[in-house]
């Protein structure tokens, strides 16, 4: 079934329909991922939500799900992109959907918050900048947000993907 991407004359989505469109994205993504789990014969519960103007899909529960995360979340990132493309094919609009599998992204977010705050404290005490290891855009955003909560330091990204990294500076 084709879904119509409702937009105003200037190409924007009407404000009242944003939540509905995000729910629709989640439903499409959930169906796509359900088919994938069936093909792989993996067990997993799919949860759909909307957070921060973004559809969020989580898969939890199955023993094999770690295989869908891969080293450093590489497989998860690829599956997220494929799921976004499946949603875009159905809706005709680019998706910012976020996918989490086996709570990997949630756990990683907590680790990165701790890393960002610890690095900011180190920079505060030493007065020297600190360059972190290369990270994905998701990882860099979490670190930048964590650093922003500490007064007296700021962070910037440097380099080109896939070697782009966060640098924390004293102010």
C-alpha atoms as a PDB file:
ATOM      1  CA  UNK A   1       0.000   0.000   0.000  1.00  0.00           C
ATOM      2  CA  UNK A   2       1.471   3.373  -1.024  1.00  0.00           C
ATOM      3  CA  UNK A   3       1.299   6.151   1.563  1.00  0.00           C
ATOM      4  CA  UNK A   4       0.942   9.747   0.522  1.00  0.00           C
ATOM      5  CA  UNK A   5       3.563  12.194   1.818  1.00  0.00           C
ATOM      6  CA  UNK A   6       1.434  15.219   2.676  1.00  0.00           C
ATOM      7  CA  UNK A   7       3.236  18.562   2.238  1.00  0.00           C
ATOM      8  CA  UNK A   8       2.329  22.225   1.933  1.00  0.00           C
ATOM      9  CA  UNK A   9       3.019  24.289  -1.198  1.00  0.00           C
ATOM     10  CA  UNK A  10       6.480  25.252   0.080  1.00  0.00           C
ATOM     11  CA  UNK A  11       7.410  21.574   0.545  1.00  0.00           C
ATOM     12  CA  UNK A  12       7.022  21.461   4.333  1.00  0.00           C
ATOM     13  CA  UNK A  13       4.976  18.919   6.212  1.00  0.00           C
ATOM     14  CA  UNK A  14       1.960  20.368   8.019  1.00  0.00           C
ATOM     15  CA  UNK A  15       2.706  20.707  11.762  1.00  0.00           C
ATOM     16  CA  UNK A  16      -0.361  18.783  12.872  1.00  0.00           C
ATOM     17  CA  UNK A  17       0.607  15.698  10.896  1.00  0.00           C
ATOM     18  CA  UNK A  18       4.224  15.368  12.090  1.00  0.00           C
ATOM     19  CA  UNK A  19       3.406  12.998  14.949  1.00  0.00           C
ATOM     20  CA  UNK A  20       1.203  10.889  12.661  1.00  0.00           C
ATOM     21  CA  UNK A  21       3.939  10.707  10.023  1.00  0.00           C
ATOM     22  CA  UNK A  22       6.495   9.615  12.624  1.00  0.00           C
ATOM     23  CA  UNK A  23       4.124   6.918  13.870  1.00  0.00           C
ATOM     24  CA  UNK A  24       3.654   5.848  10.235  1.00  0.00           C
ATOM     25  CA  UNK A  25       7.461   5.680   9.806  1.00  0.00           C
ATOM     26  CA  UNK A  26       7.688   3.506  12.916  1.00  0.00           C
ATOM     27  CA  UNK A  27       4.954   1.178  11.640  1.00  0.00           C
ATOM     28  CA  UNK A  28       6.628   0.792   8.240  1.00  0.00           C
ATOM     29  CA  UNK A  29      10.010   0.188   9.886  1.00  0.00           C
ATOM     30  CA  UNK A  30       8.470  -2.312  12.301  1.00  0.00           C
ATOM     31  CA  UNK A  31       6.928  -4.287   9.430  1.00  0.00           C
ATOM     32  CA  UNK A  32      10.215  -4.242   7.495  1.00  0.00           C
ATOM     33  CA  UNK A  33      12.208  -5.414  10.513  1.00  0.00           C
ATOM     34  CA  UNK A  34       9.606  -8.068  11.384  1.00  0.00           C
ATOM     35  CA  UNK A  35      10.053  -9.543   7.889  1.00  0.00           C
ATOM     36  CA  UNK A  36      13.843  -9.452   8.334  1.00  0.00           C
ATOM     37  CA  UNK A  37      13.634 -11.289  11.672  1.00  0.00           C
ATOM     38  CA  UNK A  38      11.345 -13.889  10.088  1.00  0.00           C
ATOM     39  CA  UNK A  39      13.778 -14.459   7.199  1.00  0.00           C
ATOM     40  CA  UNK A  40      16.676 -14.840   9.658  1.00  0.00           C
ATOM     41  CA  UNK A  41      14.527 -16.966  12.007  1.00  0.00           C
ATOM     42  CA  UNK A  42      15.526 -14.682  14.926  1.00  0.00           C
ATOM     43  CA  UNK A  43      13.282 -13.977  17.886  1.00  0.00           C
ATOM     44  CA  UNK A  44      12.769 -10.404  19.000  1.00  0.00           C
ATOM     45  CA  UNK A  45      10.156  -7.989  20.264  1.00  0.00           C
ATOM     46  CA  UNK A  46       9.791  -4.782  18.267  1.00  0.00           C
ATOM     47  CA  UNK A  47       8.892  -1.601  20.149  1.00  0.00           C
ATOM     48  CA  UNK A  48       7.885   1.601  18.331  1.00  0.00           C
ATOM     49  CA  UNK A  49       8.112   5.080  19.853  1.00  0.00           C
ATOM     50  CA  UNK A  50       8.525   8.747  18.942  1.00  0.00           C
ATOM     51  CA  UNK A  51      11.247  10.758  20.724  1.00  0.00           C
ATOM     52  CA  UNK A  52      12.621  14.207  19.926  1.00  0.00           C
ATOM     53  CA  UNK A  53      10.738  14.445  16.591  1.00  0.00           C
ATOM     54  CA  UNK A  54      12.151  11.114  15.456  1.00  0.00           C
ATOM     55  CA  UNK A  55      10.674   7.640  15.072  1.00  0.00           C
ATOM     56  CA  UNK A  56      12.499   5.168  17.325  1.00  0.00           C
ATOM     57  CA  UNK A  57      12.368   1.412  16.778  1.00  0.00           C
ATOM     58  CA  UNK A  58      13.869  -1.027  19.293  1.00  0.00           C
ATOM     59  CA  UNK A  59      14.315  -4.772  18.958  1.00  0.00           C
ATOM     60  CA  UNK A  60      14.911  -6.740  22.155  1.00  0.00           C
ATOM     61  CA  UNK A  61      14.603 -10.235  23.515  1.00  0.00           C
ATOM     62  CA  UNK A  62      16.267 -12.679  21.152  1.00  0.00           C
ATOM     63  CA  UNK A  63      19.574 -14.488  21.750  1.00  0.00           C
ATOM     64  CA  UNK A  64      20.799 -13.919  18.191  1.00  0.00           C
ATOM     65  CA  UNK A  65      20.217 -10.158  18.187  1.00  0.00           C
ATOM     66  CA  UNK A  66      23.844  -9.365  19.088  1.00  0.00           C
ATOM     67  CA  UNK A  67      24.737 -10.566  15.577  1.00  0.00           C
ATOM     68  CA  UNK A  68      22.567  -7.732  14.222  1.00  0.00           C
ATOM     69  CA  UNK A  69      24.620  -5.203  16.206  1.00  0.00           C
ATOM     70  CA  UNK A  70      28.061  -6.303  15.010  1.00  0.00           C
ATOM     71  CA  UNK A  71      31.434  -4.932  16.083  1.00  0.00           C
ATOM     72  CA  UNK A  72      31.120  -1.347  17.375  1.00  0.00           C
ATOM     73  CA  UNK A  73      27.537  -1.273  16.083  1.00  0.00           C
ATOM     74  CA  UNK A  74      28.565  -1.504  12.411  1.00  0.00           C
ATOM     75  CA  UNK A  75      25.811  -3.949  11.449  1.00  0.00           C
ATOM     76  CA  UNK A  76      23.276  -1.928  13.449  1.00  0.00           C
ATOM     77  CA  UNK A  77      24.236   1.239  11.542  1.00  0.00           C
ATOM     78  CA  UNK A  78      23.824  -0.578   8.216  1.00  0.00           C
ATOM     79  CA  UNK A  79      20.432  -2.011   9.244  1.00  0.00           C
ATOM     80  CA  UNK A  80      19.321   1.430  10.380  1.00  0.00           C
ATOM     81  CA  UNK A  81      20.195   2.849   6.966  1.00  0.00           C
ATOM     82  CA  UNK A  82      18.398   0.025   5.150  1.00  0.00           C
ATOM     83  CA  UNK A  83      15.343   0.532   7.348  1.00  0.00           C
ATOM     84  CA  UNK A  84      15.394   4.274   6.624  1.00  0.00           C
ATOM     85  CA  UNK A  85      15.516   3.492   2.899  1.00  0.00           C
ATOM     86  CA  UNK A  86      12.561   1.109   3.222  1.00  0.00           C
ATOM     87  CA  UNK A  87      10.584   3.850   4.989  1.00  0.00           C
ATOM     88  CA  UNK A  88      11.585   6.403   2.349  1.00  0.00           C
ATOM     89  CA  UNK A  89      10.515   4.057  -0.444  1.00  0.00           C
ATOM     90  CA  UNK A  90       7.080   3.737   1.164  1.00  0.00           C
ATOM     91  CA  UNK A  91       6.537   7.389   2.186  1.00  0.00           C
ATOM     92  CA  UNK A  92       8.564   9.272  -0.409  1.00  0.00           C
ATOM     93  CA  UNK A  93      10.191  11.309   2.381  1.00  0.00           C
ATOM     94  CA  UNK A  94      13.655  11.036   3.944  1.00  0.00           C
ATOM     95  CA  UNK A  95      13.545   9.341   7.354  1.00  0.00           C
ATOM     96  CA  UNK A  96      15.593  10.183  10.468  1.00  0.00           C
ATOM     97  CA  UNK A  97      14.458   6.971  12.163  1.00  0.00           C
ATOM     98  CA  UNK A  98      16.661   5.649  14.970  1.00  0.00           C
ATOM     99  CA  UNK A  99      17.104   1.887  15.380  1.00  0.00           C
ATOM    100  CA  UNK A 100      18.330   0.154  18.540  1.00  0.00           C
ATOM    101  CA  UNK A 101      18.938  -3.575  18.837  1.00  0.00           C
ATOM    102  CA  UNK A 102      19.470  -5.467  22.111  1.00  0.00           C
ATOM    103  CA  UNK A 103      19.722  -2.073  23.890  1.00  0.00           C
ATOM    104  CA  UNK A 104      23.169  -1.583  22.344  1.00  0.00           C
ATOM    105  CA  UNK A 105      22.570   2.040  21.389  1.00  0.00           C
ATOM    106  CA  UNK A 106      21.048   2.874  24.800  1.00  0.00           C
ATOM    107  CA  UNK A 107      23.985   1.264  26.622  1.00  0.00           C
ATOM    108  CA  UNK A 108      26.486   2.944  24.304  1.00  0.00           C
ATOM    109  CA  UNK A 109      24.802   6.318  24.891  1.00  0.00           C
ATOM    110  CA  UNK A 110      25.409   5.921  28.648  1.00  0.00           C
ATOM    111  CA  UNK A 111      29.074   4.960  28.103  1.00  0.00           C
ATOM    112  CA  UNK A 112      29.578   7.970  25.826  1.00  0.00           C
ATOM    113  CA  UNK A 113      27.940  10.367  28.298  1.00  0.00           C
ATOM    114  CA  UNK A 114      30.351   9.129  30.955  1.00  0.00           C
ATOM    115  CA  UNK A 115      33.276   9.456  28.529  1.00  0.00           C
ATOM    116  CA  UNK A 116      32.273  13.013  27.557  1.00  0.00           C
ATOM    117  CA  UNK A 117      31.898  14.151  31.167  1.00  0.00           C
ATOM    118  CA  UNK A 118      35.122  12.447  32.313  1.00  0.00           C
ATOM    119  CA  UNK A 119      37.027  13.960  29.385  1.00  0.00           C
ATOM    120  CA  UNK A 120      35.609  17.411  30.153  1.00  0.00           C
ATOM    121  CA  UNK A 121      36.737  17.084  33.790  1.00  0.00           C
ATOM    122  CA  UNK A 122      40.211  15.990  32.632  1.00  0.00           C
ATOM    123  CA  UNK A 123      40.454  19.030  30.343  1.00  0.00           C
ATOM    124  CA  UNK A 124      39.296  21.312  33.175  1.00  0.00           C
ATOM    125  CA  UNK A 125      41.960  19.998  35.545  1.00  0.00           C
ATOM    126  CA  UNK A 126      44.832  19.814  33.021  1.00  0.00           C
ATOM    127  CA  UNK A 127      44.014  22.858  30.889  1.00  0.00           C
ATOM    128  CA  UNK A 128      45.023  20.782  27.845  1.00  0.00           C
ATOM    129  CA  UNK A 129      42.793  19.753  24.950  1.00  0.00           C
ATOM    130  CA  UNK A 130      41.938  16.068  24.531  1.00  0.00           C
ATOM    131  CA  UNK A 131      41.300  14.333  21.196  1.00  0.00           C
ATOM    132  CA  UNK A 132      39.047  11.272  21.393  1.00  0.00           C
ATOM    133  CA  UNK A 133      39.019   8.235  19.112  1.00  0.00           C
ATOM    134  CA  UNK A 134      37.075   8.442  15.815  1.00  0.00           C
ATOM    135  CA  UNK A 135      33.328   8.029  16.272  1.00  0.00           C
ATOM    136  CA  UNK A 136      30.102   7.774  14.316  1.00  0.00           C
ATOM    137  CA  UNK A 137      27.843  10.843  14.077  1.00  0.00           C
ATOM    138  CA  UNK A 138      25.555   9.335  16.759  1.00  0.00           C
ATOM    139  CA  UNK A 139      28.497   8.829  19.124  1.00  0.00           C
ATOM    140  CA  UNK A 140      29.913  12.321  18.540  1.00  0.00           C
ATOM    141  CA  UNK A 141      26.532  13.944  19.236  1.00  0.00           C
ATOM    142  CA  UNK A 142      26.212  12.158  22.573  1.00  0.00           C
ATOM    143  CA  UNK A 143      29.746  13.225  23.584  1.00  0.00           C
ATOM    144  CA  UNK A 144      29.160  16.841  22.477  1.00  0.00           C
ATOM    145  CA  UNK A 145      25.926  16.954  24.513  1.00  0.00           C
ATOM    146  CA  UNK A 146      27.712  15.552  27.596  1.00  0.00           C
ATOM    147  CA  UNK A 147      30.602  18.027  27.290  1.00  0.00           C
ATOM    148  CA  UNK A 148      28.121  20.905  26.922  1.00  0.00           C
ATOM    149  CA  UNK A 149      26.850  20.223  30.465  1.00  0.00           C
ATOM    150  CA  UNK A 150      30.275  21.078  31.958  1.00  0.00           C
ATOM    151  CA  UNK A 151      31.180  24.771  32.368  1.00  0.00           C
ATOM    152  CA  UNK A 152      34.663  25.846  31.312  1.00  0.00           C
ATOM    153  CA  UNK A 153      35.067  23.491  28.340  1.00  0.00           C
ATOM    154  CA  UNK A 154      33.704  23.109  24.827  1.00  0.00           C
ATOM    155  CA  UNK A 155      33.972  20.491  22.104  1.00  0.00           C
ATOM    156  CA  UNK A 156      34.313  20.419  18.340  1.00  0.00           C
ATOM    157  CA  UNK A 157      34.511  17.691  15.732  1.00  0.00           C
ATOM    158  CA  UNK A 158      37.532  17.455  13.451  1.00  0.00           C
ATOM    159  CA  UNK A 159      38.579  15.289  10.545  1.00  0.00           C
ATOM    160  CA  UNK A 160      36.627  13.492   7.840  1.00  0.00           C
ATOM    161  CA  UNK A 161      34.449  10.411   8.212  1.00  0.00           C
ATOM    162  CA  UNK A 162      35.193   7.667   9.057  1.00  0.00           C
ATOM    163  CA  UNK A 163      38.074   9.182  11.066  1.00  0.00           C
ATOM    164  CA  UNK A 164      36.060  12.158  12.406  1.00  0.00           C
ATOM    165  CA  UNK A 165      36.569  12.675  16.136  1.00  0.00           C
ATOM    166  CA  UNK A 166      35.604  14.906  19.052  1.00  0.00           C
ATOM    167  CA  UNK A 167      38.169  17.296  20.535  1.00  0.00           C
ATOM    168  CA  UNK A 168      37.487  18.834  23.954  1.00  0.00           C
ATOM    169  CA  UNK A 169      39.055  22.243  24.659  1.00  0.00           C
ATOM    170  CA  UNK A 170      39.352  24.434  27.753  1.00  0.00           C
ATOM    171  CA  UNK A 171      37.565  27.776  27.346  1.00  0.00           C
END
